[in-house]
């Protein structure tokens, strides 16, 4: 939106609330002005929570590595029982993060 000089300030507090609920806010514009806000969510399955809990019981650290915005990722991580979040990472950054972490555990 900033690339097109579209002011999203009137929608920002709603977007932040949605992100805090674990939803990804998506701004919508039409004819050079903001037109609305969508929220996209991918609910966590109960089986995912249990799998993460099992990994923790095995002594493993579970990390969420995502391109999603930080606030949304942290909300999802809390719901899933994940303690460490690396968010807003592009694909190349994900590869670099994995390589860096792998080097520290070997």
PDB file of N, CA and C in Angstrom:
ATOM      1  N   UNK A   1       0.826  -1.191   0.000  1.00  0.00           N
ATOM      2  CA  UNK A   1       0.000   0.000   0.000  1.00  0.00           C
ATOM      3  C   UNK A   1       0.870   1.255   0.000  1.00  0.00           C
ATOM      4  N   UNK A   2       1.979   1.195   0.706  1.00  0.00           N
ATOM      5  CA  UNK A   2       2.853   2.365   0.750  1.00  0.00           C
ATOM      6  C   UNK A   2       3.425   2.664  -0.629  1.00  0.00           C
ATOM      7  N   UNK A   3       3.646   1.624  -1.413  1.00  0.00           N
ATOM      8  CA  UNK A   3       4.165   1.824  -2.769  1.00  0.00           C
ATOM      9  C   UNK A   3       3.211   2.661  -3.615  1.00  0.00           C
ATOM     10  N   UNK A   4       1.928   2.566  -3.332  1.00  0.00           N
ATOM     11  CA  UNK A   4       0.914   3.314  -4.069  1.00  0.00           C
ATOM     12  C   UNK A   4       0.374   4.498  -3.267  1.00  0.00           C
ATOM     13  N   UNK A   5       1.051   4.822  -2.162  1.00  0.00           N
ATOM     14  CA  UNK A   5       0.672   5.955  -1.300  1.00  0.00           C
ATOM     15  C   UNK A   5      -0.775   5.859  -0.823  1.00  0.00           C
ATOM     16  N   UNK A   6      -1.177   4.639  -0.451  1.00  0.00           N
ATOM     17  CA  UNK A   6      -2.532   4.433   0.067  1.00  0.00           C
ATOM     18  C   UNK A   6      -2.450   4.389   1.586  1.00  0.00           C
ATOM     19  N   UNK A   7      -3.174   5.255   2.226  1.00  0.00           N
ATOM     20  CA  UNK A   7      -3.161   5.383   3.680  1.00  0.00           C
ATOM     21  C   UNK A   7      -4.041   4.300   4.303  1.00  0.00           C
ATOM     22  N   UNK A   8      -3.421   3.421   5.071  1.00  0.00           N
ATOM     23  CA  UNK A   8      -4.167   2.359   5.733  1.00  0.00           C
ATOM     24  C   UNK A   8      -4.346   2.631   7.226  1.00  0.00           C
ATOM     25  N   UNK A   9      -3.978   3.826   7.657  1.00  0.00           N
ATOM     26  CA  UNK A   9      -4.079   4.165   9.080  1.00  0.00           C
ATOM     27  C   UNK A   9      -5.461   3.892   9.669  1.00  0.00           C
ATOM     28  N   UNK A  10      -6.553   4.188   8.954  1.00  0.00           N
ATOM     29  CA  UNK A  10      -7.876   3.920   9.535  1.00  0.00           C
ATOM     30  C   UNK A  10      -8.135   2.432   9.810  1.00  0.00           C
ATOM     31  N   UNK A  11      -7.383   1.555   9.153  1.00  0.00           N
ATOM     32  CA  UNK A  11      -7.583   0.116   9.315  1.00  0.00           C
ATOM     33  C   UNK A  11      -6.529  -0.536  10.200  1.00  0.00           C
ATOM     34  N   UNK A  12      -5.518   0.219  10.582  1.00  0.00           N
ATOM     35  CA  UNK A  12      -4.364  -0.355  11.277  1.00  0.00           C
ATOM     36  C   UNK A  12      -4.726  -1.023  12.599  1.00  0.00           C
ATOM     37  N   UNK A  13      -5.552  -0.407  13.429  1.00  0.00           N
ATOM     38  CA  UNK A  13      -5.861  -1.022  14.731  1.00  0.00           C
ATOM     39  C   UNK A  13      -6.630  -2.327  14.549  1.00  0.00           C
ATOM     40  N   UNK A  14      -7.505  -2.379  13.559  1.00  0.00           N
ATOM     41  CA  UNK A  14      -8.228  -3.629  13.280  1.00  0.00           C
ATOM     42  C   UNK A  14      -7.257  -4.690  12.777  1.00  0.00           C
ATOM     43  N   UNK A  15      -6.332  -4.309  11.915  1.00  0.00           N
ATOM     44  CA  UNK A  15      -5.336  -5.252  11.398  1.00  0.00           C
ATOM     45  C   UNK A  15      -4.475  -5.789  12.536  1.00  0.00           C
ATOM     46  N   UNK A  16      -4.074  -4.943  13.459  1.00  0.00           N
ATOM     47  CA  UNK A  16      -3.259  -5.379  14.595  1.00  0.00           C
ATOM     48  C   UNK A  16      -4.039  -6.328  15.502  1.00  0.00           C
ATOM     49  N   UNK A  17      -5.319  -6.056  15.702  1.00  0.00           N
ATOM     50  CA  UNK A  17      -6.154  -6.945  16.519  1.00  0.00           C
ATOM     51  C   UNK A  17      -6.271  -8.310  15.858  1.00  0.00           C
ATOM     52  N   UNK A  18      -6.501  -8.323  14.549  1.00  0.00           N
ATOM     53  CA  UNK A  18      -6.608  -9.584  13.822  1.00  0.00           C
ATOM     54  C   UNK A  18      -5.301 -10.372  13.895  1.00  0.00           C
ATOM     55  N   UNK A  19      -4.188  -9.694  13.714  1.00  0.00           N
ATOM     56  CA  UNK A  19      -2.883 -10.358  13.805  1.00  0.00           C
ATOM     57  C   UNK A  19      -2.668 -10.936  15.192  1.00  0.00           C
ATOM     58  N   UNK A  20      -3.076 -10.205  16.216  1.00  0.00           N
ATOM     59  CA  UNK A  20      -2.955 -10.692  17.584  1.00  0.00           C
ATOM     60  C   UNK A  20      -3.805 -11.915  17.853  1.00  0.00           C
ATOM     61  N   UNK A  21      -4.832 -12.110  17.036  1.00  0.00           N
ATOM     62  CA  UNK A  21      -5.696 -13.291  17.143  1.00  0.00           C
ATOM     63  C   UNK A  21      -5.181 -14.446  16.278  1.00  0.00           C
ATOM     64  N   UNK A  22      -4.034 -14.250  15.640  1.00  0.00           N
ATOM     65  CA  UNK A  22      -3.459 -15.304  14.812  1.00  0.00           C
ATOM     66  C   UNK A  22      -3.964 -15.318  13.390  1.00  0.00           C
ATOM     67  N   UNK A  23      -4.514 -14.212  12.946  1.00  0.00           N
ATOM     68  CA  UNK A  23      -5.010 -14.104  11.576  1.00  0.00           C
ATOM     69  C   UNK A  23      -4.102 -13.172  10.790  1.00  0.00           C
ATOM     70  N   UNK A  24      -3.936 -13.461   9.507  1.00  0.00           N
ATOM     71  CA  UNK A  24      -3.105 -12.602   8.661  1.00  0.00           C
ATOM     72  C   UNK A  24      -3.979 -11.539   8.010  1.00  0.00           C
ATOM     73  N   UNK A  25      -3.762 -10.269   8.374  1.00  0.00           N
ATOM     74  CA  UNK A  25      -4.551  -9.204   7.752  1.00  0.00           C
ATOM     75  C   UNK A  25      -4.062  -8.904   6.342  1.00  0.00           C
ATOM     76  N   UNK A  26      -5.008  -8.680   5.451  1.00  0.00           N
ATOM     77  CA  UNK A  26      -4.695  -8.351   4.064  1.00  0.00           C
ATOM     78  C   UNK A  26      -5.473  -7.088   3.707  1.00  0.00           C
ATOM     79  N   UNK A  27      -4.746  -6.022   3.407  1.00  0.00           N
ATOM     80  CA  UNK A  27      -5.389  -4.769   3.026  1.00  0.00           C
ATOM     81  C   UNK A  27      -5.890  -4.865   1.591  1.00  0.00           C
ATOM     82  N   UNK A  28      -7.017  -4.247   1.321  1.00  0.00           N
ATOM     83  CA  UNK A  28      -7.602  -4.224  -0.016  1.00  0.00           C
ATOM     84  C   UNK A  28      -7.772  -2.768  -0.432  1.00  0.00           C
ATOM     85  N   UNK A  29      -7.409  -2.467  -1.680  1.00  0.00           N
ATOM     86  CA  UNK A  29      -7.542  -1.102  -2.190  1.00  0.00           C
ATOM     87  C   UNK A  29      -8.286  -1.129  -3.519  1.00  0.00           C
ATOM     88  N   UNK A  30      -8.913  -0.005  -3.813  1.00  0.00           N
ATOM     89  CA  UNK A  30      -9.602   0.156  -5.084  1.00  0.00           C
ATOM     90  C   UNK A  30      -9.541   1.622  -5.477  1.00  0.00           C
ATOM     91  N   UNK A  31      -9.216   1.876  -6.712  1.00  0.00           N
ATOM     92  CA  UNK A  31      -9.140   3.247  -7.229  1.00  0.00           C
ATOM     93  C   UNK A  31      -8.263   4.161  -6.377  1.00  0.00           C
ATOM     94  N   UNK A  32      -7.131   3.622  -5.915  1.00  0.00           N
ATOM     95  CA  UNK A  32      -6.164   4.430  -5.192  1.00  0.00           C
ATOM     96  C   UNK A  32      -6.506   4.733  -3.748  1.00  0.00           C
ATOM     97  N   UNK A  33      -7.472   4.035  -3.165  1.00  0.00           N
ATOM     98  CA  UNK A  33      -7.837   4.255  -1.756  1.00  0.00           C
ATOM     99  C   UNK A  33      -8.093   2.918  -1.076  1.00  0.00           C
ATOM    100  N   UNK A  34      -7.907   2.899   0.247  1.00  0.00           N
ATOM    101  CA  UNK A  34      -8.183   1.641   0.944  1.00  0.00           C
ATOM    102  C   UNK A  34      -9.681   1.337   0.823  1.00  0.00           C
ATOM    103  N   UNK A  35      -9.965   0.041   0.656  1.00  0.00           N
ATOM    104  CA  UNK A  35     -11.348  -0.370   0.453  1.00  0.00           C
ATOM    105  C   UNK A  35     -11.802  -1.369   1.507  1.00  0.00           C
ATOM    106  N   UNK A  36     -10.848  -1.906   2.235  1.00  0.00           N
ATOM    107  CA  UNK A  36     -11.237  -2.868   3.253  1.00  0.00           C
ATOM    108  C   UNK A  36     -10.060  -3.677   3.754  1.00  0.00           C
ATOM    109  N   UNK A  37     -10.411  -4.655   4.549  1.00  0.00           N
ATOM    110  CA  UNK A  37      -9.414  -5.494   5.193  1.00  0.00           C
ATOM    111  C   UNK A  37      -9.966  -6.908   5.261  1.00  0.00           C
ATOM    112  N   UNK A  38      -9.158  -7.865   4.833  1.00  0.00           N
ATOM    113  CA  UNK A  38      -9.529  -9.273   4.920  1.00  0.00           C
ATOM    114  C   UNK A  38      -8.651  -9.931   5.975  1.00  0.00           C
ATOM    115  N   UNK A  39      -9.140 -11.002   6.552  1.00  0.00           N
ATOM    116  CA  UNK A  39      -8.327 -11.768   7.489  1.00  0.00           C
ATOM    117  C   UNK A  39      -8.292 -13.217   7.022  1.00  0.00           C
ATOM    118  N   UNK A  40      -7.085 -13.759   6.948  1.00  0.00           N
ATOM    119  CA  UNK A  40      -6.893 -15.137   6.524  1.00  0.00           C
ATOM    120  C   UNK A  40      -6.367 -15.906   7.728  1.00  0.00           C
ATOM    121  N   UNK A  41      -6.974 -17.054   7.998  1.00  0.00           N
ATOM    122  CA  UNK A  41      -6.536 -17.850   9.145  1.00  0.00           C
ATOM    123  C   UNK A  41      -6.444 -19.311   8.763  1.00  0.00           C
ATOM    124  N   UNK A  42      -5.495 -19.972   9.357  1.00  0.00           N
ATOM    125  CA  UNK A  42      -5.319 -21.410   9.193  1.00  0.00           C
ATOM    126  C   UNK A  42      -5.287 -21.994  10.595  1.00  0.00           C
ATOM    127  N   UNK A  43      -6.440 -22.422  11.094  1.00  0.00           N
ATOM    128  CA  UNK A  43      -6.506 -22.879  12.492  1.00  0.00           C
ATOM    129  C   UNK A  43      -5.571 -24.056  12.758  1.00  0.00           C
ATOM    130  N   UNK A  44      -5.070 -24.098  13.968  1.00  0.00           N
ATOM    131  CA  UNK A  44      -4.185 -25.181  14.387  1.00  0.00           C
ATOM    132  C   UNK A  44      -5.020 -26.412  14.725  1.00  0.00           C
ATOM    133  N   UNK A  45      -4.588 -27.548  14.239  1.00  0.00           N
ATOM    134  CA  UNK A  45      -5.263 -28.801  14.543  1.00  0.00           C
ATOM    135  C   UNK A  45      -4.848 -29.273  15.932  1.00  0.00           C
ATOM    136  N   UNK A  46      -5.744 -29.935  16.623  1.00  0.00           N
ATOM    137  CA  UNK A  46      -5.409 -30.488  17.934  1.00  0.00           C
ATOM    138  C   UNK A  46      -4.238 -31.458  17.835  1.00  0.00           C
ATOM    139  N   UNK A  47      -4.170 -32.197  16.728  1.00  0.00           N
ATOM    140  CA  UNK A  47      -3.078 -33.150  16.565  1.00  0.00           C
ATOM    141  C   UNK A  47      -1.731 -32.436  16.451  1.00  0.00           C
ATOM    142  N   UNK A  48      -1.738 -31.210  15.936  1.00  0.00           N
ATOM    143  CA  UNK A  48      -0.488 -30.437  15.850  1.00  0.00           C
ATOM    144  C   UNK A  48      -0.020 -30.040  17.237  1.00  0.00           C
ATOM    145  N   UNK A  49      -0.955 -29.592  18.072  1.00  0.00           N
ATOM    146  CA  UNK A  49      -0.591 -29.227  19.449  1.00  0.00           C
ATOM    147  C   UNK A  49       0.016 -30.424  20.172  1.00  0.00           C
ATOM    148  N   UNK A  50      -0.606 -31.581  20.015  1.00  0.00           N
ATOM    149  CA  UNK A  50      -0.105 -32.787  20.677  1.00  0.00           C
ATOM    150  C   UNK A  50       1.265 -33.186  20.143  1.00  0.00           C
ATOM    151  N   UNK A  51       1.470 -33.079  18.839  1.00  0.00           N
ATOM    152  CA  UNK A  51       2.769 -33.410  18.246  1.00  0.00           C
ATOM    153  C   UNK A  51       3.859 -32.494  18.796  1.00  0.00           C
ATOM    154  N   UNK A  52       3.554 -31.220  18.917  1.00  0.00           N
ATOM    155  CA  UNK A  52       4.532 -30.263  19.453  1.00  0.00           C
ATOM    156  C   UNK A  52       4.818 -30.574  20.914  1.00  0.00           C
ATOM    157  N   UNK A  53       3.787 -30.897  21.677  1.00  0.00           N
ATOM    158  CA  UNK A  53       3.980 -31.261  23.084  1.00  0.00           C
ATOM    159  C   UNK A  53       4.867 -32.505  23.198  1.00  0.00           C
ATOM    160  N   UNK A  54       4.667 -33.478  22.323  1.00  0.00           N
ATOM    161  CA  UNK A  54       5.504 -34.689  22.336  1.00  0.00           C
ATOM    162  C   UNK A  54       6.960 -34.356  22.044  1.00  0.00           C
ATOM    163  N   UNK A  55       7.175 -33.491  21.062  1.00  0.00           N
ATOM    164  CA  UNK A  55       8.545 -33.079  20.746  1.00  0.00           C
ATOM    165  C   UNK A  55       9.196 -32.406  21.946  1.00  0.00           C
ATOM    166  N   UNK A  56       8.449 -31.572  22.650  1.00  0.00           N
ATOM    167  CA  UNK A  56       8.978 -30.924  23.857  1.00  0.00           C
ATOM    168  C   UNK A  56       9.333 -31.964  24.912  1.00  0.00           C
ATOM    169  N   UNK A  57       8.450 -32.963  25.095  1.00  0.00           N
ATOM    170  CA  UNK A  57       8.721 -34.012  26.082  1.00  0.00           C
ATOM    171  C   UNK A  57       9.965 -34.820  25.721  1.00  0.00           C
ATOM    172  N   UNK A  58      10.296 -34.855  24.445  1.00  0.00           N
ATOM    173  CA  UNK A  58      11.503 -35.547  23.987  1.00  0.00           C
ATOM    174  C   UNK A  58      12.748 -34.680  24.177  1.00  0.00           C
ATOM    175  N   UNK A  59      12.533 -33.441  24.654  1.00  0.00           N
ATOM    176  CA  UNK A  59      13.653 -32.543  24.874  1.00  0.00           C
ATOM    177  C   UNK A  59      14.047 -31.728  23.660  1.00  0.00           C
ATOM    178  N   UNK A  60      13.193 -31.701  22.653  1.00  0.00           N
ATOM    179  CA  UNK A  60      13.500 -30.958  21.434  1.00  0.00           C
ATOM    180  C   UNK A  60      12.892 -29.561  21.485  1.00  0.00           C
ATOM    181  N   UNK A  61      13.602 -28.621  20.906  1.00  0.00           N
ATOM    182  CA  UNK A  61      13.074 -27.269  20.769  1.00  0.00           C
ATOM    183  C   UNK A  61      12.314 -27.186  19.451  1.00  0.00           C
ATOM    184  N   UNK A  62      11.127 -26.631  19.497  1.00  0.00           N
ATOM    185  CA  UNK A  62      10.329 -26.440  18.297  1.00  0.00           C
ATOM    186  C   UNK A  62      10.368 -24.961  17.946  1.00  0.00           C
ATOM    187  N   UNK A  63      10.688 -24.662  16.696  1.00  0.00           N
ATOM    188  CA  UNK A  63      10.806 -23.283  16.233  1.00  0.00           C
ATOM    189  C   UNK A  63       9.843 -23.077  15.063  1.00  0.00           C
ATOM    190  N   UNK A  64       9.116 -21.978  15.092  1.00  0.00           N
ATOM    191  CA  UNK A  64       8.285 -21.616  13.947  1.00  0.00           C
ATOM    192  C   UNK A  64       9.102 -20.673  13.075  1.00  0.00           C
ATOM    193  N   UNK A  65       9.322 -21.065  11.839  1.00  0.00           N
ATOM    194  CA  UNK A  65      10.073 -20.275  10.870  1.00  0.00           C
ATOM    195  C   UNK A  65       9.114 -19.949   9.742  1.00  0.00           C
ATOM    196  N   UNK A  66       8.743 -18.673   9.616  1.00  0.00           N
ATOM    197  CA  UNK A  66       7.657 -18.307   8.710  1.00  0.00           C
ATOM    198  C   UNK A  66       7.879 -16.957   8.045  1.00  0.00           C
ATOM    199  N   UNK A  67       7.229 -16.782   6.933  1.00  0.00           N
ATOM    200  CA  UNK A  67       7.224 -15.491   6.254  1.00  0.00           C
ATOM    201  C   UNK A  67       6.107 -14.595   6.748  1.00  0.00           C
ATOM    202  N   UNK A  68       5.220 -15.145   7.576  1.00  0.00           N
ATOM    203  CA  UNK A  68       4.103 -14.353   8.105  1.00  0.00           C
ATOM    204  C   UNK A  68       4.609 -13.217   8.995  1.00  0.00           C
ATOM    205  N   UNK A  69       3.745 -12.219   9.184  1.00  0.00           N
ATOM    206  CA  UNK A  69       4.156 -11.107  10.044  1.00  0.00           C
ATOM    207  C   UNK A  69       4.325 -11.583  11.477  1.00  0.00           C
ATOM    208  N   UNK A  70       5.189 -10.904  12.203  1.00  0.00           N
ATOM    209  CA  UNK A  70       5.593 -11.331  13.546  1.00  0.00           C
ATOM    210  C   UNK A  70       4.409 -11.499  14.493  1.00  0.00           C
ATOM    211  N   UNK A  71       3.526 -10.538  14.503  1.00  0.00           N
ATOM    212  CA  UNK A  71       2.422 -10.587  15.468  1.00  0.00           C
ATOM    213  C   UNK A  71       1.517 -11.804  15.234  1.00  0.00           C
ATOM    214  N   UNK A  72       1.197 -12.073  13.977  1.00  0.00           N
ATOM    215  CA  UNK A  72       0.381 -13.241  13.644  1.00  0.00           C
ATOM    216  C   UNK A  72       1.123 -14.519  14.017  1.00  0.00           C
ATOM    217  N   UNK A  73       2.387 -14.604  13.642  1.00  0.00           N
ATOM    218  CA  UNK A  73       3.177 -15.800  13.929  1.00  0.00           C
ATOM    219  C   UNK A  73       3.273 -16.055  15.432  1.00  0.00           C
ATOM    220  N   UNK A  74       3.493 -15.016  16.218  1.00  0.00           N
ATOM    221  CA  UNK A  74       3.592 -15.189  17.665  1.00  0.00           C
ATOM    222  C   UNK A  74       2.272 -15.661  18.267  1.00  0.00           C
ATOM    223  N   UNK A  75       1.157 -15.172  17.743  1.00  0.00           N
ATOM    224  CA  UNK A  75      -0.150 -15.613  18.236  1.00  0.00           C
ATOM    225  C   UNK A  75      -0.363 -17.094  17.929  1.00  0.00           C
ATOM    226  N   UNK A  76      -0.035 -17.514  16.726  1.00  0.00           N
ATOM    227  CA  UNK A  76      -0.177 -18.920  16.347  1.00  0.00           C
ATOM    228  C   UNK A  76       0.763 -19.787  17.187  1.00  0.00           C
ATOM    229  N   UNK A  77       1.980 -19.326  17.368  1.00  0.00           N
ATOM    230  CA  UNK A  77       2.949 -20.086  18.170  1.00  0.00           C
ATOM    231  C   UNK A  77       2.439 -20.283  19.598  1.00  0.00           C
ATOM    232  N   UNK A  78       1.871 -19.250  20.192  1.00  0.00           N
ATOM    233  CA  UNK A  78       1.302 -19.385  21.549  1.00  0.00           C
ATOM    234  C   UNK A  78       0.217 -20.448  21.568  1.00  0.00           C
ATOM    235  N   UNK A  79      -0.655 -20.416  20.567  1.00  0.00           N
ATOM    236  CA  UNK A  79      -1.746 -21.393  20.501  1.00  0.00           C
ATOM    237  C   UNK A  79      -1.217 -22.813  20.337  1.00  0.00           C
ATOM    238  N   UNK A  80      -0.103 -22.952  19.638  1.00  0.00           N
ATOM    239  CA  UNK A  80       0.446 -24.272  19.345  1.00  0.00           C
ATOM    240  C   UNK A  80       1.411 -24.777  20.414  1.00  0.00           C
ATOM    241  N   UNK A  81       1.843 -23.879  21.294  1.00  0.00           N
ATOM    242  CA  UNK A  81       2.811 -24.275  22.305  1.00  0.00           C
ATOM    243  C   UNK A  81       4.254 -24.163  21.845  1.00  0.00           C
ATOM    244  N   UNK A  82       4.488 -23.297  20.870  1.00  0.00           N
ATOM    245  CA  UNK A  82       5.839 -23.085  20.338  1.00  0.00           C
ATOM    246  C   UNK A  82       6.437 -21.856  21.007  1.00  0.00           C
ATOM    247  N   UNK A  83       7.647 -22.018  21.533  1.00  0.00           N
ATOM    248  CA  UNK A  83       8.268 -20.934  22.286  1.00  0.00           C
ATOM    249  C   UNK A  83       9.116 -19.973  21.472  1.00  0.00           C
ATOM    250  N   UNK A  84       9.645 -20.431  20.358  1.00  0.00           N
ATOM    251  CA  UNK A  84      10.546 -19.568  19.574  1.00  0.00           C
ATOM    252  C   UNK A  84       9.977 -19.352  18.184  1.00  0.00           C
ATOM    253  N   UNK A  85       9.950 -18.074  17.769  1.00  0.00           N
ATOM    254  CA  UNK A  85       9.395 -17.694  16.473  1.00  0.00           C
ATOM    255  C   UNK A  85      10.430 -16.877  15.699  1.00  0.00           C
ATOM    256  N   UNK A  86      10.634 -17.248  14.464  1.00  0.00           N
ATOM    257  CA  UNK A  86      11.432 -16.456  13.529  1.00  0.00           C
ATOM    258  C   UNK A  86      10.462 -16.107  12.408  1.00  0.00           C
ATOM    259  N   UNK A  87      10.066 -14.836  12.343  1.00  0.00           N
ATOM    260  CA  UNK A  87       8.996 -14.423  11.428  1.00  0.00           C
ATOM    261  C   UNK A  87       9.497 -13.403  10.412  1.00  0.00           C
ATOM    262  N   UNK A  88       8.642 -13.165   9.415  1.00  0.00           N
ATOM    263  CA  UNK A  88       8.899 -12.179   8.369  1.00  0.00           C
ATOM    264  C   UNK A  88      10.190 -12.507   7.616  1.00  0.00           C
ATOM    265  N   UNK A  89      10.377 -13.802   7.343  1.00  0.00           N
ATOM    266  CA  UNK A  89      11.594 -14.272   6.694  1.00  0.00           C
ATOM    267  C   UNK A  89      11.264 -14.729   5.275  1.00  0.00           C
ATOM    268  N   UNK A  90      12.005 -14.235   4.312  1.00  0.00           N
ATOM    269  CA  UNK A  90      11.848 -14.664   2.923  1.00  0.00           C
ATOM    270  C   UNK A  90      12.476 -16.052   2.746  1.00  0.00           C
ATOM    271  N   UNK A  91      12.148 -16.754   1.667  1.00  0.00           N
ATOM    272  CA  UNK A  91      12.675 -18.114   1.481  1.00  0.00           C
ATOM    273  C   UNK A  91      14.185 -18.238   1.649  1.00  0.00           C
ATOM    274  N   UNK A  92      14.962 -17.336   1.069  1.00  0.00           N
ATOM    275  CA  UNK A  92      16.419 -17.413   1.223  1.00  0.00           C
ATOM    276  C   UNK A  92      16.822 -17.244   2.682  1.00  0.00           C
ATOM    277  N   UNK A  93      16.117 -16.398   3.385  1.00  0.00           N
ATOM    278  CA  UNK A  93      16.396 -16.205   4.803  1.00  0.00           C
ATOM    279  C   UNK A  93      16.076 -17.441   5.623  1.00  0.00           C
ATOM    280  N   UNK A  94      15.064 -18.192   5.197  1.00  0.00           N
ATOM    281  CA  UNK A  94      14.723 -19.434   5.892  1.00  0.00           C
ATOM    282  C   UNK A  94      15.848 -20.442   5.746  1.00  0.00           C
ATOM    283  N   UNK A  95      16.374 -20.555   4.545  1.00  0.00           N
ATOM    284  CA  UNK A  95      17.480 -21.475   4.309  1.00  0.00           C
ATOM    285  C   UNK A  95      18.674 -21.071   5.172  1.00  0.00           C
ATOM    286  N   UNK A  96      18.989 -19.791   5.202  1.00  0.00           N
ATOM    287  CA  UNK A  96      20.119 -19.303   5.996  1.00  0.00           C
ATOM    288  C   UNK A  96      19.901 -19.586   7.481  1.00  0.00           C
ATOM    289  N   UNK A  97      18.686 -19.369   7.969  1.00  0.00           N
ATOM    290  CA  UNK A  97      18.371 -19.619   9.385  1.00  0.00           C
ATOM    291  C   UNK A  97      18.546 -21.097   9.721  1.00  0.00           C
ATOM    292  N   UNK A  98      18.071 -21.970   8.863  1.00  0.00           N
ATOM    293  CA  UNK A  98      18.207 -23.415   9.104  1.00  0.00           C
ATOM    294  C   UNK A  98      19.685 -23.811   9.115  1.00  0.00           C
ATOM    295  N   UNK A  99      20.447 -23.307   8.148  1.00  0.00           N
ATOM    296  CA  UNK A  99      21.880 -23.615   8.108  1.00  0.00           C
ATOM    297  C   UNK A  99      22.581 -23.118   9.365  1.00  0.00           C
ATOM    298  N   UNK A 100      22.230 -21.923   9.794  1.00  0.00           N
ATOM    299  CA  UNK A 100      22.854 -21.350  10.996  1.00  0.00           C
ATOM    300  C   UNK A 100      22.524 -22.188  12.226  1.00  0.00           C
ATOM    301  N   UNK A 101      21.266 -22.566  12.366  1.00  0.00           N
ATOM    302  CA  UNK A 101      20.857 -23.377  13.523  1.00  0.00           C
ATOM    303  C   UNK A 101      21.490 -24.762  13.471  1.00  0.00           C
ATOM    304  N   UNK A 102      21.561 -25.348  12.276  1.00  0.00           N
ATOM    305  CA  UNK A 102      22.142 -26.670  12.124  1.00  0.00           C
ATOM    306  C   UNK A 102      23.613 -26.649  12.541  1.00  0.00           C
ATOM    307  N   UNK A 103      24.307 -25.573  12.186  1.00  0.00           N
ATOM    308  CA  UNK A 103      25.733 -25.463  12.535  1.00  0.00           C
ATOM    309  C   UNK A 103      25.920 -25.396  14.048  1.00  0.00           C
ATOM    310  N   UNK A 104      24.965 -24.830  14.772  1.00  0.00           N
ATOM    311  CA  UNK A 104      25.120 -24.699  16.226  1.00  0.00           C
ATOM    312  C   UNK A 104      24.778 -25.976  16.976  1.00  0.00           C
ATOM    313  N   UNK A 105      24.024 -26.892  16.363  1.00  0.00           N
ATOM    314  CA  UNK A 105      23.647 -28.127  17.063  1.00  0.00           C
ATOM    315  C   UNK A 105      24.579 -29.281  16.755  1.00  0.00           C
ATOM    316  N   UNK A 106      25.415 -29.130  15.758  1.00  0.00           N
ATOM    317  CA  UNK A 106      26.327 -30.240  15.420  1.00  0.00           C
ATOM    318  C   UNK A 106      27.561 -30.219  16.246  1.00  0.00           C
TER     319      UNK A 106
END
